[in-house]
C-alpha atoms as a PDB file:
ATOM      1  CA  MET A   1      -9.999  13.029  27.058  1.00  0.00           C
ATOM      2  CA  THR A   2      -7.673  10.112  27.460  1.00  0.00           C
ATOM      3  CA  SER A   3      -5.415   8.897  24.610  1.00  0.00           C
ATOM      4  CA  THR A   4      -7.540   5.795  24.205  1.00  0.00           C
ATOM      5  CA  GLU A   5     -10.748   7.864  23.893  1.00  0.00           C
ATOM      6  CA  SER A   6      -8.967  10.110  21.431  1.00  0.00           C
ATOM      7  CA  LEU A   7      -7.922   7.244  19.195  1.00  0.00           C
ATOM      8  CA  SER A   8     -11.419   5.770  19.350  1.00  0.00           C
ATOM      9  CA  SER A   9     -12.953   9.102  18.426  1.00  0.00           C
ATOM     10  CA  THR A  10     -10.548   9.393  15.522  1.00  0.00           C
ATOM     11  CA  MET A  11     -11.488   6.027  14.235  1.00  0.00           C
ATOM     12  CA  HIS A  12     -15.247   6.555  14.267  1.00  0.00           C
ATOM     13  CA  SER A  13     -15.605  10.275  13.762  1.00  0.00           C
ATOM     14  CA  PRO A  14     -17.809  11.188  10.755  1.00  0.00           C
ATOM     15  CA  LYS A  15     -15.897  14.463  10.383  1.00  0.00           C
ATOM     16  CA  ALA A  16     -13.867  14.555   7.175  1.00  0.00           C
ATOM     17  CA  LYS A  17     -10.128  14.811   7.606  1.00  0.00           C
ATOM     18  CA  GLU A  18      -6.944  14.260   5.616  1.00  0.00           C
ATOM     19  CA  TYR A  19      -5.752  10.698   5.381  1.00  0.00           C
ATOM     20  CA  LYS A  20      -2.215  10.312   4.008  1.00  0.00           C
ATOM     21  CA  ARG A  21      -1.091   7.397   1.877  1.00  0.00           C
ATOM     22  CA  SER A  22       1.920   5.521   3.230  1.00  0.00           C
ATOM     23  CA  CYS A  23       4.124   2.734   1.865  1.00  0.00           C
ATOM     24  CA  PHE A  24       6.879   0.555   3.268  1.00  0.00           C
ATOM     25  CA  GLN A  25       9.014  -2.369   2.175  1.00  0.00           C
ATOM     26  CA  MET A  26      10.108  -5.311   4.257  1.00  0.00           C
ATOM     27  CA  LYS A  27      11.630  -8.796   3.904  1.00  0.00           C
ATOM     28  CA  PHE A  28      10.609 -12.143   5.367  1.00  0.00           C
ATOM     29  CA  SER A  29      12.021 -15.647   5.101  1.00  0.00           C
ATOM     30  CA  THR A  30      10.601 -18.071   2.561  1.00  0.00           C
ATOM     31  CA  GLU A  31      11.402 -21.086   4.687  1.00  0.00           C
ATOM     32  CA  ASN A  32       7.823 -21.397   5.904  1.00  0.00           C
ATOM     33  CA  LEU A  33       6.011 -19.226   3.405  1.00  0.00           C
ATOM     34  CA  PRO A  34       2.653 -21.154   3.464  1.00  0.00           C
ATOM     35  CA  GLN A  35       2.368 -20.726   7.242  1.00  0.00           C
ATOM     36  CA  TYR A  36       3.327 -17.055   7.076  1.00  0.00           C
ATOM     37  CA  LEU A  37       0.618 -16.402   4.477  1.00  0.00           C
ATOM     38  CA  PHE A  38      -1.921 -18.422   6.469  1.00  0.00           C
ATOM     39  CA  ASP A  39      -1.189 -16.458   9.604  1.00  0.00           C
ATOM     40  CA  HIS A  40      -2.077 -13.238   7.726  1.00  0.00           C
ATOM     41  CA  GLU A  41      -5.442 -14.698   6.641  1.00  0.00           C
ATOM     42  CA  THR A  42      -6.555 -14.846  10.273  1.00  0.00           C
ATOM     43  CA  VAL A  43      -4.809 -11.946  12.013  1.00  0.00           C
ATOM     44  CA  TRP A  44      -5.856 -11.823  15.706  1.00  0.00           C
ATOM     45  CA  PRO A  45      -8.947  -9.652  16.250  1.00  0.00           C
ATOM     46  CA  GLU A  46      -7.127  -7.734  19.001  1.00  0.00           C
ATOM     47  CA  MET A  47      -4.313  -6.957  16.564  1.00  0.00           C
ATOM     48  CA  GLN A  48      -6.730  -5.786  13.914  1.00  0.00           C
ATOM     49  CA  GLN A  49      -8.441  -3.514  16.460  1.00  0.00           C
ATOM     50  CA  ALA A  50      -5.118  -2.044  17.555  1.00  0.00           C
ATOM     51  CA  LEU A  51      -4.096  -1.287  13.962  1.00  0.00           C
ATOM     52  CA  VAL A  52      -7.336   0.535  13.237  1.00  0.00           C
ATOM     53  CA  ASP A  53      -7.153   2.406  16.594  1.00  0.00           C
ATOM     54  CA  CYS A  54      -3.618   3.476  15.758  1.00  0.00           C
ATOM     55  CA  GLY A  55      -4.434   4.833  12.347  1.00  0.00           C
ATOM     56  CA  TRP A  56      -3.736   1.968   9.949  1.00  0.00           C
ATOM     57  CA  TYR A  57      -6.643   2.142   7.495  1.00  0.00           C
ATOM     58  CA  ASP A  58      -7.318   0.366   4.171  1.00  0.00           C
ATOM     59  CA  TYR A  59      -4.154  -1.650   4.819  1.00  0.00           C
ATOM     60  CA  SER A  60      -2.783  -4.104   2.259  1.00  0.00           C
ATOM     61  CA  LEU A  61       0.333  -6.261   2.068  1.00  0.00           C
ATOM     62  CA  PHE A  62       1.813  -7.714  -1.139  1.00  0.00           C
ATOM     63  CA  TYR A  63       4.716 -10.211  -1.598  1.00  0.00           C
ATOM     64  CA  ARG A  64       7.099 -11.836  -4.020  1.00  0.00           C
ATOM     65  CA  ASP A  65       8.194 -15.494  -3.771  1.00  0.00           C
ATOM     66  CA  ASP A  66      11.686 -14.477  -2.474  1.00  0.00           C
ATOM     67  CA  GLY A  67      10.179 -12.774   0.593  1.00  0.00           C
ATOM     68  CA  PHE A  68      10.158  -9.205  -0.641  1.00  0.00           C
ATOM     69  CA  ALA A  69       7.021  -7.522   0.667  1.00  0.00           C
ATOM     70  CA  VAL A  70       5.328  -4.175   0.430  1.00  0.00           C
ATOM     71  CA  GLY A  71       2.684  -2.556   2.679  1.00  0.00           C
ATOM     72  CA  VAL A  72       0.403   0.297   1.700  1.00  0.00           C
ATOM     73  CA  PHE A  73      -2.119   1.958   3.968  1.00  0.00           C
ATOM     74  CA  ARG A  74      -3.871   5.271   4.652  1.00  0.00           C
ATOM     75  CA  THR A  75      -3.431   7.019   7.952  1.00  0.00           C
ATOM     76  CA  ASP A  76      -4.485  10.113   9.873  1.00  0.00           C
ATOM     77  CA  THR A  77      -1.038  10.239  11.475  1.00  0.00           C
ATOM     78  CA  SER A  78       1.876  12.254  10.146  1.00  0.00           C
ATOM     79  CA  GLY A  79       3.102   9.112   8.376  1.00  0.00           C
ATOM     80  CA  PHE A  80       4.747   5.701   8.773  1.00  0.00           C
ATOM     81  CA  ASP A  81       6.943   6.561  11.751  1.00  0.00           C
ATOM     82  CA  GLU A  82       4.093   7.910  13.872  1.00  0.00           C
ATOM     83  CA  ALA A  83       1.778   5.024  12.872  1.00  0.00           C
ATOM     84  CA  CYS A  84       4.472   2.604  14.029  1.00  0.00           C
ATOM     85  CA  ALA A  85       5.101   4.559  17.208  1.00  0.00           C
ATOM     86  CA  ARG A  86       1.420   4.341  18.091  1.00  0.00           C
ATOM     87  CA  MET A  87       1.491   0.543  17.613  1.00  0.00           C
ATOM     88  CA  ASP A  88       4.628   0.265  19.721  1.00  0.00           C
ATOM     89  CA  LYS A  89       2.605   1.474  22.706  1.00  0.00           C
ATOM     90  CA  THR A  90       0.234  -1.481  22.518  1.00  0.00           C
ATOM     91  CA  THR A  91       0.754  -4.818  24.226  1.00  0.00           C
ATOM     92  CA  ILE A  92      -0.848  -6.860  21.474  1.00  0.00           C
ATOM     93  CA  ASN A  93       1.594  -5.492  18.876  1.00  0.00           C
ATOM     94  CA  ALA A  94       4.591  -6.668  20.869  1.00  0.00           C
ATOM     95  CA  LYS A  95       3.062 -10.168  21.067  1.00  0.00           C
ATOM     96  CA  TRP A  96       2.241 -10.240  17.313  1.00  0.00           C
ATOM     97  CA  GLN A  97       5.681  -8.936  16.227  1.00  0.00           C
ATOM     98  CA  SER A  98       7.369 -11.525  18.473  1.00  0.00           C
ATOM     99  CA  VAL A  99       5.478 -14.359  16.674  1.00  0.00           C
ATOM    100  CA  MET A 100       6.271 -12.820  13.268  1.00  0.00           C
ATOM    101  CA  SER A 101       9.979 -12.562  14.026  1.00  0.00           C
ATOM    102  CA  LYS A 102      10.381 -16.299  13.242  1.00  0.00           C
ATOM    103  CA  TYR A 103       9.628 -15.481   9.585  1.00  0.00           C
ATOM    104  CA  THR A 104      12.464 -12.994   9.089  1.00  0.00           C
ATOM    105  CA  PRO A 105      15.947 -14.044   7.867  1.00  0.00           C
ATOM    106  CA  ALA A 106      17.677 -12.544  10.932  1.00  0.00           C
ATOM    107  CA  ASN A 107      14.901 -13.455  13.328  1.00  0.00           C
ATOM    108  CA  VAL A 108      14.216  -9.754  13.924  1.00  0.00           C
ATOM    109  CA  VAL A 109      10.834  -8.025  14.231  1.00  0.00           C
ATOM    110  CA  PRO A 110       9.669  -7.501  10.624  1.00  0.00           C
ATOM    111  CA  ILE A 111       8.341  -3.981  11.047  1.00  0.00           C
ATOM    112  CA  ASP A 112      11.550  -2.864  12.809  1.00  0.00           C
ATOM    113  CA  ALA A 113      13.482  -3.761   9.632  1.00  0.00           C
ATOM    114  CA  ALA A 114      10.965  -2.108   7.334  1.00  0.00           C
ATOM    115  CA  LYS A 115      11.959   0.834   5.097  1.00  0.00           C
ATOM    116  CA  GLU A 116       9.533   3.616   4.216  1.00  0.00           C
ATOM    117  CA  LEU A 117       9.149   4.770   0.638  1.00  0.00           C
ATOM    118  CA  ALA A 118       8.242   8.340  -0.176  1.00  0.00           C
ATOM    119  CA  LEU A 119       5.129   9.232  -2.168  1.00  0.00           C
ATOM    120  CA  VAL A 120       6.054  10.531  -5.652  1.00  0.00           C
ATOM    121  CA  THR A 121       2.630  11.090  -7.214  1.00  0.00           C
ATOM    122  CA  PHE A 122      -1.015  10.141  -6.778  1.00  0.00           C
ATOM    123  CA  ILE A 123      -3.668  10.042  -9.489  1.00  0.00           C
ATOM    124  CA  GLY A 124      -7.137   9.338  -8.136  1.00  0.00           C
ATOM    125  CA  GLU A 125      -9.777  10.246  -5.588  1.00  0.00           C
ATOM    126  CA  GLY A 126      -8.497  12.858  -3.135  1.00  0.00           C
ATOM    127  CA  SER A 127      -5.854  15.536  -3.030  1.00  0.00           C
ATOM    128  CA  GLU A 128      -2.899  15.873  -5.339  1.00  0.00           C
ATOM    129  CA  GLY A 129      -0.668  14.757  -2.494  1.00  0.00           C
ATOM    130  CA  GLY A 130      -2.430  11.471  -2.149  1.00  0.00           C
ATOM    131  CA  GLY A 131      -4.658  12.339   0.795  1.00  0.00           C
ATOM    132  CA  THR A 132      -8.425  11.886   0.926  1.00  0.00           C
ATOM    133  CA  MET A 133     -11.085  13.727   2.912  1.00  0.00           C
ATOM    134  CA  ALA A 134     -13.413  10.713   2.978  1.00  0.00           C
ATOM    135  CA  PRO A 135     -13.649   8.677   6.260  1.00  0.00           C
ATOM    136  CA  VAL A 136     -11.985   5.300   5.715  1.00  0.00           C
ATOM    137  CA  VAL A 137     -13.324   3.428   8.736  1.00  0.00           C
ATOM    138  CA  SER A 138     -17.024   3.485   9.699  1.00  0.00           C
ATOM    139  CA  ALA A 139     -18.594   3.165  13.068  1.00  0.00           C
ATOM    140  CA  SER A 140     -19.913  -0.296  12.146  1.00  0.00           C
ATOM    141  CA  TRP A 141     -16.389  -1.671  11.583  1.00  0.00           C
ATOM    142  CA  ALA A 142     -15.532  -4.847  13.445  1.00  0.00           C
ATOM    143  CA  PRO A 143     -12.505  -7.197  13.334  1.00  0.00           C
ATOM    144  CA  GLN A 144     -12.639  -9.330  10.203  1.00  0.00           C
ATOM    145  CA  ALA A 145     -13.012 -13.099  10.123  1.00  0.00           C
ATOM    146  CA  TYR A 146     -10.792 -13.235   7.055  1.00  0.00           C
ATOM    147  CA  THR A 147      -7.802 -10.834   6.559  1.00  0.00           C
ATOM    148  CA  GLY A 148      -6.260 -12.512   3.481  1.00  0.00           C
ATOM    149  CA  GLY A 149      -5.801 -10.629   0.199  1.00  0.00           C
ATOM    150  CA  GLY A 150      -7.228 -11.000  -3.223  1.00  0.00           C
ATOM    151  CA  GLN A 151     -10.839  -9.991  -2.495  1.00  0.00           C
ATOM    152  CA  PRO A 152     -12.341  -7.206  -4.604  1.00  0.00           C
ATOM    153  CA  THR A 153     -13.255  -3.767  -3.309  1.00  0.00           C
ATOM    154  CA  LEU A 154     -16.864  -2.896  -2.703  1.00  0.00           C
ATOM    155  CA  ASP A 155     -17.083  -1.557  -6.248  1.00  0.00           C
ATOM    156  CA  GLY A 156     -15.550  -4.688  -7.736  1.00  0.00           C
ATOM    157  CA  ARG A 157     -11.951  -3.553  -8.256  1.00  0.00           C
ATOM    158  CA  ARG A 158      -8.844  -5.604  -7.625  1.00  0.00           C
ATOM    159  CA  ARG A 159      -5.826  -4.239  -5.796  1.00  0.00           C
ATOM    160  CA  PHE A 160      -2.505  -4.383  -7.616  1.00  0.00           C
ATOM    161  CA  CYS A 161       1.012  -3.541  -6.518  1.00  0.00           C
ATOM    162  CA  PHE A 162       4.235  -3.735  -8.553  1.00  0.00           C
ATOM    163  CA  ARG A 163       7.901  -2.936  -8.114  1.00  0.00           C
ATOM    164  CA  MET A 164      10.506  -1.633 -10.521  1.00  0.00           C
ATOM    165  CA  ARG A 165      13.860  -0.039 -10.295  1.00  0.00           C
ATOM    166  CA  VAL A 166      15.281   3.177 -11.826  1.00  0.00           C
ATOM    167  CA  ALA A 167      19.004   3.629 -12.462  1.00  0.00           C
ATOM    168  CA  THR A 168      20.334   5.714  -9.545  1.00  0.00           C
ATOM    169  CA  GLU A 169      22.005   8.218 -11.867  1.00  0.00           C
ATOM    170  CA  HIS A 170      18.603   8.962 -13.425  1.00  0.00           C
ATOM    171  CA  ILE A 171      16.465   8.938 -10.268  1.00  0.00           C
ATOM    172  CA  THR A 172      16.256  12.754 -10.035  1.00  0.00           C
ATOM    173  CA  SER A 173      15.113  13.234 -13.612  1.00  0.00           C
ATOM    174  CA  TRP A 174      12.708  10.305 -13.318  1.00  0.00           C
ATOM    175  CA  LEU A 175      11.076  11.762 -10.225  1.00  0.00           C
ATOM    176  CA  HIS A 176      10.820  15.135 -11.924  1.00  0.00           C
ATOM    177  CA  ALA A 177       9.118  13.558 -14.941  1.00  0.00           C
ATOM    178  CA  MET A 178       6.589  11.745 -12.678  1.00  0.00           C
ATOM    179  CA  ARG A 179       5.799  14.929 -10.797  1.00  0.00           C
ATOM    180  CA  GLN A 180       5.464  16.936 -13.921  1.00  0.00           C
ATOM    181  CA  MET A 181       3.328  14.427 -15.854  1.00  0.00           C
ATOM    182  CA  PRO A 182       1.208  16.193 -18.456  1.00  0.00           C
ATOM    183  CA  THR A 183      -2.535  16.274 -18.039  1.00  0.00           C
ATOM    184  CA  ASP A 184      -3.309  13.962 -20.960  1.00  0.00           C
ATOM    185  CA  ALA A 185      -0.970  11.280 -19.597  1.00  0.00           C
ATOM    186  CA  ARG A 186      -2.501  11.582 -16.123  1.00  0.00           C
ATOM    187  CA  HIS A 187      -6.031  11.220 -17.600  1.00  0.00           C
ATOM    188  CA  ALA A 188      -4.860   8.049 -19.373  1.00  0.00           C
ATOM    189  CA  PHE A 189      -4.619   6.201 -16.040  1.00  0.00           C
ATOM    190  CA  SER A 190      -8.244   6.701 -15.059  1.00  0.00           C
ATOM    191  CA  SER A 191      -9.594   6.239 -18.610  1.00  0.00           C
ATOM    192  CA  CYS A 192      -7.685   2.924 -18.805  1.00  0.00           C
ATOM    193  CA  GLY A 193      -9.068   1.727 -15.435  1.00  0.00           C
ATOM    194  CA  TRP A 194      -6.047   2.505 -13.160  1.00  0.00           C
ATOM    195  CA  HIS A 195      -7.826   3.958 -10.115  1.00  0.00           C
ATOM    196  CA  ASN A 196      -6.132   5.550  -7.094  1.00  0.00           C
ATOM    197  CA  TYR A 197      -2.740   5.137  -8.683  1.00  0.00           C
ATOM    198  CA  SER A 198       0.071   5.818  -6.219  1.00  0.00           C
ATOM    199  CA  VAL A 199       3.822   5.791  -6.846  1.00  0.00           C
ATOM    200  CA  TYR A 200       6.466   5.607  -4.122  1.00  0.00           C
ATOM    201  CA  HIS A 201      10.280   5.577  -4.185  1.00  0.00           C
ATOM    202  CA  ARG A 202      13.486   5.009  -2.263  1.00  0.00           C
ATOM    203  CA  ASP A 203      16.649   7.002  -2.903  1.00  0.00           C
ATOM    204  CA  ASP A 204      18.356   3.905  -4.248  1.00  0.00           C
ATOM    205  CA  GLY A 205      15.955   3.740  -7.201  1.00  0.00           C
ATOM    206  CA  MET A 206      13.419   1.271  -5.784  1.00  0.00           C
ATOM    207  CA  ILE A 207       9.926   2.186  -7.118  1.00  0.00           C
ATOM    208  CA  VAL A 208       6.622   0.799  -5.984  1.00  0.00           C
ATOM    209  CA  GLY A 209       3.267   1.374  -7.729  1.00  0.00           C
ATOM    210  CA  TYR A 210      -0.262   0.641  -6.426  1.00  0.00           C
ATOM    211  CA  PHE A 211      -3.603   0.901  -8.157  1.00  0.00           C
ATOM    212  CA  GLU A 212      -7.106  -0.597  -8.281  1.00  0.00           C
ATOM    213  CA  SER A 213      -8.619  -1.976 -11.440  1.00  0.00           C
ATOM    214  CA  CYS A 214     -11.711  -3.879 -12.589  1.00  0.00           C
ATOM    215  CA  THR A 215      -9.498  -6.344 -14.458  1.00  0.00           C
ATOM    216  CA  SER A 216      -8.200  -9.369 -12.582  1.00  0.00           C
ATOM    217  CA  ASP A 217      -4.845  -9.518 -14.357  1.00  0.00           C
ATOM    218  CA  PHE A 218      -1.911  -7.061 -14.101  1.00  0.00           C
ATOM    219  CA  ALA A 219      -0.672  -7.835 -17.605  1.00  0.00           C
ATOM    220  CA  VAL A 220      -4.089  -6.978 -19.097  1.00  0.00           C
ATOM    221  CA  ALA A 221      -4.247  -3.706 -17.051  1.00  0.00           C
ATOM    222  CA  TYR A 222      -0.820  -2.663 -18.173  1.00  0.00           C
ATOM    223  CA  ALA A 223      -1.420  -3.570 -21.846  1.00  0.00           C
ATOM    224  CA  ARG A 224      -4.517  -1.403 -21.808  1.00  0.00           C
ATOM    225  CA  LEU A 225      -2.553   1.509 -20.440  1.00  0.00           C
ATOM    226  CA  ARG A 226       0.225   0.955 -23.014  1.00  0.00           C
ATOM    227  CA  ASP A 227      -2.374   1.145 -25.792  1.00  0.00           C
ATOM    228  CA  ASN A 228      -3.144   4.722 -24.778  1.00  0.00           C
ATOM    229  CA  ILE A 229      -1.166   6.985 -27.107  1.00  0.00           C
ATOM    230  CA  ALA A 230      -0.863   9.873 -24.641  1.00  0.00           C
ATOM    231  CA  TYR A 231       0.552   7.632 -21.940  1.00  0.00           C
ATOM    232  CA  ARG A 232       2.852   5.624 -24.234  1.00  0.00           C
ATOM    233  CA  THR A 233       4.353   8.768 -25.821  1.00  0.00           C
ATOM    234  CA  TRP A 234       5.089  10.322 -22.397  1.00  0.00           C
ATOM    235  CA  ALA A 235       6.314   7.130 -20.735  1.00  0.00           C
ATOM    236  CA  ASP A 236       8.652   6.093 -23.505  1.00  0.00           C
ATOM    237  CA  ALA A 237      10.240   9.543 -23.643  1.00  0.00           C
ATOM    238  CA  HIS A 238      10.546  10.154 -19.895  1.00  0.00           C
ATOM    239  CA  VAL A 239      10.151   6.965 -17.792  1.00  0.00           C
ATOM    240  CA  ASN A 240      10.863   3.636 -19.446  1.00  0.00           C
ATOM    241  CA  ALA A 241      14.325   4.424 -20.820  1.00  0.00           C
ATOM    242  CA  HIS A 242      15.575   4.905 -17.212  1.00  0.00           C
ATOM    243  CA  LEU A 243      14.282   1.604 -15.865  1.00  0.00           C
ATOM    244  CA  VAL A 244      16.773  -1.105 -14.757  1.00  0.00           C
ATOM    245  CA  ASP A 245      14.046  -3.578 -13.702  1.00  0.00           C
ATOM    246  CA  ASP A 246      10.695  -3.314 -15.466  1.00  0.00           C
ATOM    247  CA  ARG A 247       7.292  -3.539 -13.722  1.00  0.00           C
ATOM    248  CA  GLU A 248       7.009  -6.733 -11.693  1.00  0.00           C
ATOM    249  CA  PRO A 249       3.570  -7.532 -10.070  1.00  0.00           C
ATOM    250  CA  LEU A 250       3.342  -8.674  -6.467  1.00  0.00           C
ATOM    251  CA  VAL A 251       0.764 -10.930  -4.842  1.00  0.00           C
ATOM    252  CA  HIS A 252      -1.861  -9.453  -2.495  1.00  0.00           C
ATOM    253  CA  TYR A 253      -1.898 -11.483   0.728  1.00  0.00           C
ATOM    254  CA  PHE A 254      -3.440  -9.257   3.463  1.00  0.00           C
ATOM    255  CA  TYR A 255      -6.163  -6.653   3.717  1.00  0.00           C
ATOM    256  CA  LEU A 256      -7.629  -4.773   6.682  1.00  0.00           C
ATOM    257  CA  GLY A 257     -10.404  -2.255   6.133  1.00  0.00           C
ATOM    258  CA  VAL A 258     -14.028  -1.722   5.103  1.00  0.00           C
ATOM    259  CA  ASN A 259     -13.502  -1.413   1.367  1.00  0.00           C
ATOM    260  CA  GLN A 260     -13.693  -5.105   0.531  1.00  0.00           C
ATOM    261  CA  LYS A 261     -16.228  -7.760  -0.379  1.00  0.00           C
ATOM    262  CA  HIS A 262     -15.731 -10.385   2.316  1.00  0.00           C
ATOM    263  CA  LYS A 263     -15.288 -14.091   1.653  1.00  0.00           C
END
């Protein structure tokens, strides 16, 4: 079997397998922000196909007005580095990255300057480590006419992503608290409508959170969580006191996958 056939089989195989959750952070210039966002609403069909063939599933991008951006996706590769390595072998990716380089402060390829964040914890559908056994791309998938963000999932949920920062001297204890979260606090997320909650970190204290919710407003979703006594008691004792920057929501501007109601 050729490598191309292998990737195609991986994409369309009905056999359940482990799909890891991956997250990365990058930076783009705000000089021509409207055009950058528009380009991501209509990503080339060939680029979409290459991403899916190379293991980039259920892929979202979020941004802040200063050009800070976060990507989250699921993959059947070993992680971010292998997923990027697969894309590096495609001709269309080189063309796309070349076009995108005009949107970066140093005129470099955006993904080359991206930094991966490590998964801390996952609360949702799938394994404890954030993987899922459910196929994430169906045989009927085809490149999307619209790849912008903000559209609900098939079950009506909105995708949310936020960033915060933990003081570097407390990062070890903060990570320990997240990984040892008590059962009643973990249950609070799903009971308050935080589905598929994933938390990622960098060694310098950068934290990124991702979840899906039936509410359309981050502030409402977080207020509902804060109202849960089990969560609030645990978070105030082990999490919030170590934050340097509190939870800051980002804007969803790109989605590639089958779990979305199309425009």
